[in-house]
N, C-alpha and C. Protein backbone atom coordinates (compact mmCIF):
# COMPACT_ATOMS: atom_id res chain seq x y z
N MET A 1 11.98 41.83 -189.67
CA MET A 1 11.14 42.37 -190.73
C MET A 1 10.62 41.23 -191.60
N THR A 2 9.37 41.27 -191.96
CA THR A 2 8.76 40.23 -192.74
C THR A 2 8.50 40.51 -194.26
N ILE A 3 9.13 39.67 -195.09
CA ILE A 3 8.94 39.83 -196.51
C ILE A 3 7.88 38.86 -196.81
N LEU A 4 6.70 39.33 -197.59
CA LEU A 4 5.50 38.48 -197.86
C LEU A 4 5.52 38.22 -199.27
N ASN A 5 5.10 37.03 -199.78
CA ASN A 5 5.08 36.80 -201.15
C ASN A 5 3.66 36.43 -201.80
N THR A 6 3.34 36.84 -202.94
CA THR A 6 2.06 36.33 -203.43
C THR A 6 2.34 35.92 -204.86
N ALA A 7 1.48 35.47 -205.64
CA ALA A 7 1.72 35.00 -206.98
C ALA A 7 2.53 36.17 -207.83
N ARG A 8 2.07 37.28 -207.75
CA ARG A 8 2.60 38.35 -208.57
C ARG A 8 3.42 39.31 -207.84
N LEU A 9 3.57 39.40 -206.43
CA LEU A 9 4.07 40.38 -205.81
C LEU A 9 5.02 39.81 -204.75
N ARG A 10 6.03 40.63 -204.46
CA ARG A 10 6.71 40.46 -203.14
C ARG A 10 6.74 41.71 -202.36
N LEU A 11 6.30 41.53 -201.10
CA LEU A 11 6.03 42.73 -200.17
C LEU A 11 7.34 42.92 -199.24
N GLU A 12 8.15 43.79 -199.45
CA GLU A 12 9.47 44.03 -198.64
C GLU A 12 9.10 45.34 -197.80
N PRO A 13 9.67 45.16 -196.43
CA PRO A 13 9.55 46.21 -195.66
C PRO A 13 10.17 47.44 -196.32
N LEU A 14 9.45 48.58 -196.19
CA LEU A 14 9.76 49.65 -196.91
C LEU A 14 11.12 50.38 -196.21
N ASP A 15 12.08 50.72 -196.84
CA ASP A 15 13.20 51.37 -196.10
C ASP A 15 13.84 52.24 -197.29
N ASP A 16 15.02 52.76 -196.92
CA ASP A 16 15.63 53.61 -197.77
C ASP A 16 15.73 53.51 -199.26
N ARG A 17 16.09 52.23 -199.53
CA ARG A 17 16.35 51.76 -200.82
C ARG A 17 15.03 51.88 -201.79
N HIS A 18 13.86 52.05 -201.23
CA HIS A 18 12.83 52.28 -201.81
C HIS A 18 12.20 53.84 -202.08
N PHE A 19 13.22 54.61 -201.74
CA PHE A 19 12.74 56.16 -201.87
C PHE A 19 12.36 56.55 -203.21
N ASP A 20 13.03 56.22 -204.20
CA ASP A 20 12.71 56.57 -205.58
C ASP A 20 11.34 56.24 -205.99
N GLY A 21 11.22 54.75 -205.63
CA GLY A 21 9.81 54.20 -206.08
C GLY A 21 8.64 54.91 -205.36
N LEU A 22 8.93 55.10 -204.10
CA LEU A 22 7.84 55.68 -203.19
C LEU A 22 7.63 57.15 -203.63
N TYR A 23 8.79 57.97 -203.88
CA TYR A 23 8.46 59.07 -204.13
C TYR A 23 7.66 59.44 -205.44
N ALA A 24 8.17 58.40 -206.31
CA ALA A 24 7.37 58.41 -207.88
C ALA A 24 5.95 58.19 -207.68
N ILE A 25 5.56 57.44 -206.74
CA ILE A 25 4.06 57.06 -206.39
C ILE A 25 3.49 58.23 -205.72
N ASN A 26 4.12 58.69 -204.55
CA ASN A 26 3.55 59.88 -203.71
C ASN A 26 3.51 61.16 -204.46
N ARG A 27 4.16 61.30 -205.51
CA ARG A 27 4.06 62.64 -206.12
C ARG A 27 3.06 62.78 -207.37
N ILE A 28 2.27 61.50 -207.40
CA ILE A 28 1.27 61.54 -208.64
C ILE A 28 -0.15 62.03 -207.93
N PRO A 29 -0.50 63.21 -208.47
CA PRO A 29 -1.76 63.85 -207.93
C PRO A 29 -3.00 62.83 -207.77
N GLU A 30 -3.14 62.05 -208.65
CA GLU A 30 -4.38 61.01 -208.62
C GLU A 30 -4.23 60.09 -207.39
N VAL A 31 -2.89 59.71 -207.25
CA VAL A 31 -2.65 58.71 -206.14
C VAL A 31 -2.89 59.41 -204.84
N MET A 32 -2.55 60.61 -204.55
CA MET A 32 -2.79 61.38 -203.28
C MET A 32 -4.06 62.12 -203.18
N ARG A 33 -4.81 62.06 -204.14
CA ARG A 33 -6.01 62.79 -204.17
C ARG A 33 -6.96 62.39 -202.97
N TYR A 34 -7.16 61.26 -202.59
CA TYR A 34 -7.99 60.92 -201.42
C TYR A 34 -7.14 60.77 -200.21
N LEU A 35 -5.87 61.05 -200.12
CA LEU A 35 -5.03 60.73 -198.92
C LEU A 35 -4.69 62.14 -198.45
N THR A 36 -4.03 62.97 -199.04
CA THR A 36 -3.65 64.13 -198.58
C THR A 36 -4.14 65.33 -199.46
N GLY A 37 -4.57 65.14 -200.48
CA GLY A 37 -5.14 65.89 -201.42
C GLY A 37 -3.91 66.74 -202.35
N LYS A 38 -2.78 66.25 -202.09
CA LYS A 38 -1.76 67.09 -202.84
C LYS A 38 -0.51 65.88 -203.00
N PRO A 39 0.33 66.23 -203.92
CA PRO A 39 1.39 65.34 -203.98
C PRO A 39 2.60 65.58 -202.82
N ASP A 40 3.30 64.43 -202.57
CA ASP A 40 4.31 64.67 -201.40
C ASP A 40 5.43 65.40 -201.93
N THR A 41 6.19 65.92 -201.06
CA THR A 41 7.45 66.49 -201.34
C THR A 41 8.53 65.25 -201.10
N PRO A 42 9.76 65.60 -201.57
CA PRO A 42 10.88 64.58 -201.24
C PRO A 42 11.03 64.38 -199.80
N GLU A 43 10.78 65.59 -199.01
CA GLU A 43 11.08 65.62 -197.48
C GLU A 43 9.93 64.78 -196.98
N GLN A 44 8.66 65.02 -197.42
CA GLN A 44 7.63 64.12 -196.86
C GLN A 44 7.79 62.59 -197.03
N THR A 45 8.30 62.32 -198.16
CA THR A 45 8.63 60.95 -198.60
C THR A 45 9.66 60.28 -197.66
N THR A 46 10.85 61.09 -197.41
CA THR A 46 11.85 60.67 -196.58
C THR A 46 11.17 60.48 -195.22
N ALA A 47 10.23 61.46 -194.79
CA ALA A 47 9.76 61.30 -193.42
C ALA A 47 8.96 60.09 -193.22
N MET A 48 8.20 59.76 -194.26
CA MET A 48 7.39 58.43 -194.27
C MET A 48 8.16 57.25 -194.07
N ILE A 49 9.33 57.19 -194.75
CA ILE A 49 10.36 56.14 -194.70
C ILE A 49 10.91 56.08 -193.35
N GLU A 50 11.32 57.20 -192.79
CA GLU A 50 11.94 57.04 -191.40
C GLU A 50 10.80 56.60 -190.29
N ARG A 51 9.64 57.13 -190.54
CA ARG A 51 8.53 56.64 -189.53
C ARG A 51 8.21 55.02 -189.75
N THR A 52 8.24 54.67 -190.85
CA THR A 52 8.15 53.28 -191.33
C THR A 52 9.14 52.28 -190.67
N LYS A 53 10.56 52.82 -190.96
CA LYS A 53 11.56 52.01 -190.18
C LYS A 53 11.47 51.81 -188.63
N ALA A 54 11.01 53.08 -188.23
CA ALA A 54 10.86 53.11 -186.55
C ALA A 54 9.64 52.08 -186.25
N GLN A 55 8.63 52.05 -186.98
CA GLN A 55 7.52 51.23 -186.67
C GLN A 55 7.98 49.68 -186.91
N TRP A 56 8.68 49.41 -187.84
CA TRP A 56 9.14 48.12 -188.03
C TRP A 56 9.78 47.79 -186.89
N ALA A 57 10.85 48.51 -186.36
CA ALA A 57 11.66 48.26 -185.38
C ALA A 57 10.88 48.05 -183.99
N GLN A 58 9.96 48.93 -183.87
CA GLN A 58 9.11 48.97 -182.38
C GLN A 58 7.99 48.04 -182.46
N HIS A 59 7.44 47.83 -183.63
CA HIS A 59 6.05 47.07 -183.42
C HIS A 59 6.09 45.58 -184.37
N GLY A 60 7.16 45.62 -185.33
CA GLY A 60 7.09 44.39 -186.01
C GLY A 60 6.13 44.37 -187.28
N TYR A 61 5.59 45.47 -187.65
CA TYR A 61 4.64 45.68 -188.73
C TYR A 61 4.73 47.31 -189.23
N SER A 62 4.38 47.56 -190.35
CA SER A 62 4.39 48.81 -191.01
C SER A 62 4.05 48.71 -192.33
N TRP A 63 4.91 49.54 -193.16
CA TRP A 63 4.60 49.57 -194.53
C TRP A 63 5.50 48.56 -195.42
N TRP A 64 4.86 48.01 -196.51
CA TRP A 64 5.76 47.23 -197.34
C TRP A 64 5.79 47.96 -198.72
N ALA A 65 6.84 47.87 -199.46
CA ALA A 65 6.95 48.16 -200.85
C ALA A 65 6.37 46.84 -201.73
N LEU A 66 5.52 47.14 -202.58
CA LEU A 66 4.83 46.15 -203.32
C LEU A 66 5.77 45.95 -204.76
N ILE A 67 6.51 44.98 -204.79
CA ILE A 67 7.42 44.69 -205.91
C ILE A 67 6.83 43.73 -206.83
N GLU A 68 6.81 43.91 -208.15
CA GLU A 68 6.26 42.87 -208.97
C GLU A 68 7.32 41.79 -209.01
N GLN A 69 6.75 40.51 -208.89
CA GLN A 69 7.88 39.33 -209.02
C GLN A 69 8.55 39.34 -210.28
N GLU A 70 7.84 39.52 -211.30
CA GLU A 70 8.29 39.55 -212.81
C GLU A 70 8.75 41.07 -213.07
N GLY A 71 9.99 41.21 -213.13
CA GLY A 71 10.58 42.50 -213.50
C GLY A 71 11.24 43.26 -212.37
N GLY A 72 10.66 43.18 -211.17
CA GLY A 72 11.22 43.73 -209.98
C GLY A 72 10.69 45.14 -209.78
N ASP A 73 9.62 45.70 -210.53
CA ASP A 73 9.35 47.04 -210.35
C ASP A 73 8.55 47.26 -209.20
N MET A 74 8.74 48.56 -208.58
CA MET A 74 7.85 48.91 -207.37
C MET A 74 6.60 49.48 -207.92
N ILE A 75 5.58 48.78 -207.58
CA ILE A 75 4.24 49.40 -208.24
C ILE A 75 3.25 50.07 -207.20
N GLY A 76 3.73 49.98 -205.78
CA GLY A 76 2.85 50.55 -204.81
C GLY A 76 3.39 50.38 -203.52
N VAL A 77 2.56 50.69 -202.38
CA VAL A 77 2.88 50.27 -201.02
C VAL A 77 1.62 49.93 -200.37
N GLY A 78 1.75 49.05 -199.35
CA GLY A 78 0.66 48.60 -198.44
C GLY A 78 1.07 48.48 -197.12
N CYS A 79 0.23 48.47 -196.09
CA CYS A 79 0.55 48.48 -194.68
C CYS A 79 -0.54 47.76 -193.77
N ILE A 80 0.06 47.34 -192.71
CA ILE A 80 -0.58 47.01 -191.49
C ILE A 80 0.11 48.01 -190.58
N GLN A 81 -0.86 49.04 -190.01
CA GLN A 81 -0.32 49.82 -189.04
C GLN A 81 -1.49 50.13 -188.02
N ASN A 82 -1.35 50.77 -187.00
CA ASN A 82 -2.36 51.38 -186.27
C ASN A 82 -2.98 52.67 -186.78
N ILE A 83 -4.26 52.80 -186.75
CA ILE A 83 -4.85 53.91 -187.27
C ILE A 83 -4.16 55.18 -186.67
N GLU A 84 -3.89 56.22 -187.53
CA GLU A 84 -3.27 57.34 -187.24
C GLU A 84 -1.81 56.96 -186.42
N ARG A 85 -1.25 55.95 -186.76
CA ARG A 85 -0.05 55.33 -186.11
C ARG A 85 0.14 55.49 -184.73
N ASN A 86 -1.17 55.27 -183.97
CA ASN A 86 -1.29 55.37 -182.51
C ASN A 86 -1.53 53.93 -182.10
N PRO A 87 -0.62 53.42 -181.28
CA PRO A 87 -0.72 52.23 -180.77
C PRO A 87 -2.07 51.78 -179.94
N VAL A 88 -2.68 52.71 -179.53
CA VAL A 88 -3.98 52.45 -178.82
C VAL A 88 -5.13 52.21 -179.74
N ASN A 89 -5.10 52.53 -180.98
CA ASN A 89 -6.11 52.35 -182.06
C ASN A 89 -6.04 51.15 -182.73
N PRO A 90 -7.05 50.74 -183.33
CA PRO A 90 -7.13 49.42 -183.94
C PRO A 90 -6.10 49.37 -185.19
N LEU A 91 -5.74 48.31 -185.41
CA LEU A 91 -4.86 47.80 -186.60
C LEU A 91 -5.73 48.22 -187.93
N GLU A 92 -4.93 48.79 -188.73
CA GLU A 92 -5.73 49.10 -190.08
C GLU A 92 -4.74 48.40 -191.27
N ILE A 93 -5.44 48.31 -192.34
CA ILE A 93 -4.76 47.72 -193.44
C ILE A 93 -4.84 48.91 -194.58
N GLY A 94 -3.88 49.25 -195.32
CA GLY A 94 -4.04 50.12 -196.49
C GLY A 94 -3.11 49.86 -197.51
N TRP A 95 -3.25 50.63 -198.74
CA TRP A 95 -2.53 50.58 -199.79
C TRP A 95 -2.56 51.70 -200.63
N ARG A 96 -1.62 51.81 -201.62
CA ARG A 96 -1.78 52.73 -202.77
C ARG A 96 -0.95 52.11 -203.82
N LEU A 97 -1.32 52.44 -205.08
CA LEU A 97 -0.85 51.85 -206.25
C LEU A 97 -0.44 52.97 -207.36
N ARG A 98 0.50 52.68 -208.07
CA ARG A 98 0.71 53.59 -209.46
C ARG A 98 -0.71 53.39 -210.24
N PRO A 99 -1.09 54.47 -210.91
CA PRO A 99 -2.33 54.45 -211.69
C PRO A 99 -2.31 53.35 -212.78
N ASP A 100 -1.08 53.04 -213.22
CA ASP A 100 -0.90 52.21 -214.41
C ASP A 100 -0.99 50.65 -213.84
N LYS A 101 -1.33 50.50 -212.70
CA LYS A 101 -1.51 49.24 -212.05
C LYS A 101 -2.93 49.12 -211.41
N TRP A 102 -3.63 50.18 -211.56
CA TRP A 102 -5.08 50.23 -211.00
C TRP A 102 -5.98 49.19 -211.86
N GLY A 103 -6.99 48.54 -211.14
CA GLY A 103 -7.84 47.65 -211.83
C GLY A 103 -7.28 46.37 -212.42
N LYS A 104 -6.06 46.03 -211.91
CA LYS A 104 -5.48 44.62 -212.21
C LYS A 104 -5.49 43.72 -211.29
N GLY A 105 -5.98 44.14 -210.05
CA GLY A 105 -6.08 43.04 -208.99
C GLY A 105 -4.87 43.09 -208.00
N TYR A 106 -4.14 43.84 -208.26
CA TYR A 106 -2.80 44.03 -207.38
C TYR A 106 -3.06 44.39 -205.90
N ALA A 107 -4.00 45.47 -205.83
CA ALA A 107 -4.45 45.79 -204.40
C ALA A 107 -5.03 44.73 -203.63
N SER A 108 -5.96 44.03 -204.20
CA SER A 108 -6.60 42.92 -203.67
C SER A 108 -5.84 41.75 -203.19
N GLU A 109 -4.82 41.52 -204.16
CA GLU A 109 -3.70 40.48 -203.96
C GLU A 109 -2.95 40.74 -202.77
N ALA A 110 -2.33 41.99 -202.82
CA ALA A 110 -1.50 42.38 -201.79
C ALA A 110 -2.31 42.35 -200.26
N ALA A 111 -3.54 42.89 -200.26
CA ALA A 111 -4.40 43.17 -199.18
C ALA A 111 -4.59 41.77 -198.55
N ARG A 112 -5.12 40.65 -199.39
CA ARG A 112 -5.27 39.55 -198.87
C ARG A 112 -4.06 38.89 -198.07
N GLU A 113 -2.72 39.09 -198.59
CA GLU A 113 -1.66 38.61 -197.91
C GLU A 113 -1.32 39.44 -196.60
N MET A 114 -1.60 40.78 -196.64
CA MET A 114 -1.48 41.50 -195.58
C MET A 114 -2.38 41.16 -194.48
N THR A 115 -3.69 40.90 -194.85
CA THR A 115 -4.78 40.49 -194.03
C THR A 115 -4.20 39.12 -193.22
N ARG A 116 -3.79 38.10 -194.07
CA ARG A 116 -3.35 36.96 -193.51
C ARG A 116 -2.11 37.15 -192.35
N PHE A 117 -1.26 38.13 -192.66
CA PHE A 117 -0.31 38.36 -191.81
C PHE A 117 -0.74 39.03 -190.51
N ALA A 118 -1.73 39.87 -190.65
CA ALA A 118 -2.25 40.60 -189.53
C ALA A 118 -2.86 39.44 -188.55
N PHE A 119 -3.84 38.64 -189.21
CA PHE A 119 -4.62 37.72 -188.43
C PHE A 119 -3.70 36.44 -187.87
N GLU A 120 -2.77 35.94 -188.72
CA GLU A 120 -2.08 34.86 -188.33
C GLU A 120 -0.63 35.14 -187.54
N THR A 121 -0.12 36.17 -187.98
CA THR A 121 1.33 36.51 -187.30
C THR A 121 1.11 37.47 -186.16
N LEU A 122 0.24 38.45 -186.32
CA LEU A 122 0.01 39.32 -185.27
C LEU A 122 -1.04 39.05 -184.27
N ASP A 123 -1.81 38.04 -184.76
CA ASP A 123 -2.89 37.65 -183.91
C ASP A 123 -3.88 38.75 -183.64
N ALA A 124 -4.21 39.54 -184.51
CA ALA A 124 -5.16 40.67 -184.61
C ALA A 124 -6.44 39.92 -184.37
N GLN A 125 -7.41 40.78 -183.60
CA GLN A 125 -8.52 40.25 -183.33
C GLN A 125 -9.59 41.11 -184.27
N LEU A 126 -9.17 42.31 -184.82
CA LEU A 126 -10.05 43.06 -185.69
C LEU A 126 -9.04 43.87 -186.58
N LEU A 127 -9.39 43.94 -187.68
CA LEU A 127 -8.63 44.63 -188.96
C LEU A 127 -9.68 45.62 -189.34
N CYS A 128 -9.26 46.89 -189.45
CA CYS A 128 -9.92 47.98 -190.09
C CYS A 128 -9.37 48.50 -191.42
N ALA A 129 -10.04 49.16 -192.11
CA ALA A 129 -9.54 50.14 -193.22
C ALA A 129 -10.28 51.27 -193.38
N VAL A 130 -9.67 52.22 -193.62
CA VAL A 130 -10.46 53.64 -193.70
C VAL A 130 -10.26 54.25 -195.28
N CYS A 131 -11.07 54.83 -195.80
CA CYS A 131 -10.92 55.58 -197.11
C CYS A 131 -11.84 56.70 -197.24
N HIS A 132 -11.38 57.66 -197.92
CA HIS A 132 -12.17 58.92 -198.25
C HIS A 132 -13.58 58.33 -198.75
N GLN A 133 -14.64 59.06 -198.31
CA GLN A 133 -15.92 58.74 -198.65
C GLN A 133 -16.24 58.58 -200.09
N GLU A 134 -15.45 59.39 -201.03
CA GLU A 134 -15.57 59.19 -202.33
C GLU A 134 -14.65 58.10 -203.14
N ASN A 135 -14.02 57.62 -202.29
CA ASN A 135 -12.93 56.50 -202.90
C ASN A 135 -13.51 55.32 -203.10
N GLY A 136 -14.41 54.98 -204.15
CA GLY A 136 -15.19 53.77 -204.42
C GLY A 136 -14.33 52.52 -204.65
N ASP A 137 -13.19 52.98 -205.44
CA ASP A 137 -12.28 51.70 -205.64
C ASP A 137 -11.69 51.14 -204.51
N SER A 138 -11.23 51.81 -203.47
CA SER A 138 -10.62 51.28 -202.23
C SER A 138 -11.70 50.60 -201.45
N ALA A 139 -12.95 51.27 -201.52
CA ALA A 139 -14.05 50.58 -200.65
C ALA A 139 -14.33 49.23 -201.42
N ALA A 140 -14.29 48.97 -202.68
CA ALA A 140 -14.56 47.94 -203.32
C ALA A 140 -13.50 46.80 -202.89
N VAL A 141 -12.13 47.14 -202.67
CA VAL A 141 -11.08 46.34 -202.47
C VAL A 141 -11.36 45.80 -200.93
N MET A 142 -12.01 46.50 -200.13
CA MET A 142 -12.08 46.44 -198.71
C MET A 142 -13.36 45.44 -198.66
N LYS A 143 -14.42 45.48 -199.41
CA LYS A 143 -15.43 44.64 -199.54
C LYS A 143 -15.06 43.24 -199.96
N ARG A 144 -14.22 43.33 -201.11
CA ARG A 144 -13.63 41.96 -201.59
C ARG A 144 -12.81 41.15 -200.62
N LEU A 145 -12.24 41.81 -199.70
CA LEU A 145 -11.53 41.31 -198.54
C LEU A 145 -12.34 40.60 -197.52
N GLY A 146 -13.60 40.94 -197.59
CA GLY A 146 -14.81 40.39 -196.67
C GLY A 146 -15.05 41.39 -195.68
N MET A 147 -14.59 42.63 -195.69
CA MET A 147 -14.78 43.72 -194.72
C MET A 147 -16.21 44.25 -194.87
N SER A 148 -16.64 44.69 -193.80
CA SER A 148 -18.19 45.40 -193.82
C SER A 148 -18.09 46.74 -193.33
N PHE A 149 -18.88 47.66 -193.94
CA PHE A 149 -18.94 49.05 -193.49
C PHE A 149 -19.29 49.12 -192.00
N ILE A 150 -18.54 49.85 -191.33
CA ILE A 150 -18.80 49.99 -189.99
C ILE A 150 -19.59 51.35 -189.72
N SER A 151 -18.76 52.66 -190.16
CA SER A 151 -19.41 53.95 -189.98
C SER A 151 -18.67 54.96 -190.74
N ILE A 152 -19.01 56.21 -190.56
CA ILE A 152 -18.23 57.53 -190.93
C ILE A 152 -17.70 57.95 -189.61
N GLU A 153 -16.32 57.88 -189.62
CA GLU A 153 -15.57 58.37 -188.37
C GLU A 153 -14.45 59.49 -188.77
N HIS A 154 -14.01 60.17 -187.90
CA HIS A 154 -12.93 61.26 -188.06
C HIS A 154 -11.56 60.74 -187.78
N TRP A 155 -10.83 60.41 -188.72
CA TRP A 155 -9.43 59.97 -188.79
C TRP A 155 -8.70 60.77 -189.70
N TYR A 156 -7.37 60.76 -189.39
CA TYR A 156 -6.43 61.59 -190.41
C TYR A 156 -6.91 62.85 -190.79
N GLU A 157 -7.64 63.60 -189.90
CA GLU A 157 -8.08 64.97 -190.18
C GLU A 157 -9.04 64.99 -191.20
N MET A 158 -9.94 64.01 -191.46
CA MET A 158 -11.06 63.96 -192.23
C MET A 158 -12.14 62.97 -191.95
N ASP A 159 -13.29 63.17 -192.37
CA ASP A 159 -14.43 62.18 -192.08
C ASP A 159 -14.22 60.95 -193.15
N VAL A 160 -13.98 59.78 -192.68
CA VAL A 160 -13.70 58.66 -193.49
C VAL A 160 -14.68 57.60 -193.27
N ALA A 161 -14.81 56.81 -194.35
CA ALA A 161 -15.67 55.44 -194.24
C ALA A 161 -14.76 54.54 -193.69
N VAL A 162 -15.16 53.72 -192.70
CA VAL A 162 -14.48 52.84 -191.84
C VAL A 162 -15.16 51.34 -192.13
N TYR A 163 -14.29 50.51 -192.70
CA TYR A 163 -14.52 49.05 -192.73
C TYR A 163 -13.93 48.30 -191.92
N GLY A 164 -14.38 47.01 -191.51
CA GLY A 164 -13.67 46.10 -190.65
C GLY A 164 -14.07 44.68 -190.79
N MET A 165 -13.19 43.90 -190.18
CA MET A 165 -13.51 42.47 -190.30
C MET A 165 -12.87 41.80 -188.99
N SER A 166 -13.61 40.85 -188.30
CA SER A 166 -12.82 40.32 -187.06
C SER A 166 -12.16 39.03 -187.58
N ARG A 167 -11.22 38.64 -186.59
CA ARG A 167 -10.58 37.47 -186.78
C ARG A 167 -11.45 36.29 -187.17
N ALA A 168 -12.62 36.29 -186.35
CA ALA A 168 -13.39 35.12 -186.36
C ALA A 168 -14.04 35.05 -187.77
N LYS A 169 -14.51 36.14 -188.41
CA LYS A 169 -15.04 36.32 -189.74
C LYS A 169 -14.07 35.78 -190.66
N TRP A 170 -12.83 36.25 -190.55
CA TRP A 170 -11.83 35.97 -191.63
C TRP A 170 -11.57 34.44 -191.51
N LEU A 171 -11.37 33.83 -190.33
CA LEU A 171 -11.26 32.35 -190.28
C LEU A 171 -12.40 31.62 -190.91
N LEU A 172 -13.50 32.08 -190.78
CA LEU A 172 -14.70 31.46 -191.23
C LEU A 172 -14.73 31.57 -192.77
N ASP A 173 -14.36 32.77 -193.23
CA ASP A 173 -14.22 32.99 -194.68
C ASP A 173 -13.13 31.98 -195.29
N GLN A 174 -12.03 31.86 -194.55
CA GLN A 174 -11.03 31.03 -194.86
C GLN A 174 -11.45 29.53 -195.21
N GLN A 175 -12.34 28.95 -194.14
CA GLN A 175 -12.75 27.77 -194.12
C GLN A 175 -13.69 27.42 -195.18
N ARG A 176 -14.44 28.52 -195.47
CA ARG A 176 -15.41 28.38 -196.64
C ARG A 176 -14.87 28.66 -198.07
N GLY A 177 -13.55 28.98 -197.92
CA GLY A 177 -13.03 29.39 -199.37
C GLY A 177 -13.39 30.59 -199.90
N LEU A 178 -14.01 31.50 -199.14
CA LEU A 178 -14.49 32.65 -199.65
C LEU A 178 -13.54 33.71 -199.94
N ALA A 179 -12.39 33.77 -199.09
CA ALA A 179 -11.50 34.87 -199.41
C ALA A 179 -10.96 34.66 -200.69
N SER A 180 -10.60 33.62 -201.14
CA SER A 180 -9.73 33.34 -202.34
C SER A 180 -10.83 33.58 -203.65
N ALA A 181 -12.14 33.39 -203.37
CA ALA A 181 -13.04 33.43 -204.53
C ALA A 181 -13.38 34.91 -204.75
N ARG A 182 -13.09 35.82 -203.82
CA ARG A 182 -13.59 37.14 -204.05
C ARG A 182 -12.60 37.83 -205.31
């Protein structure tokens, strides 16, 4: 399992020791508004951790806990997984943060590192992201990553905006220095 580091974050594979931090995030209505529409129960958080551990063991990628380098607080989670957790579907990147950390660049910072992992370590040829059509903040992070809007598609039992980026475009952006400038 892979630990990733950025200037301000350590991304640790999500496991049992992250339950309290994950549950604290997943029970906040504003965090879950565009995901499930309601706060998670402790049982749902436990089930997410169990699925995550199995995905790490089987695929070598899944959800990370986003830990602040300074202070060690868990401020969110991020992932590389297959859409709807189905290996036949494209890889997707995702994230969620505590509201007190919104608008501070943490989602973009974690997403850049997870994108690098997907393209360099997993050798992905395509990386997608999905968001509720009204979630402009997540769409903005996707655009900052260099992703382009693809279409509205039905995933996770709702019609979502789908963004994507090819490995070739990501490599070109890296060469041009665009990824770090966004």
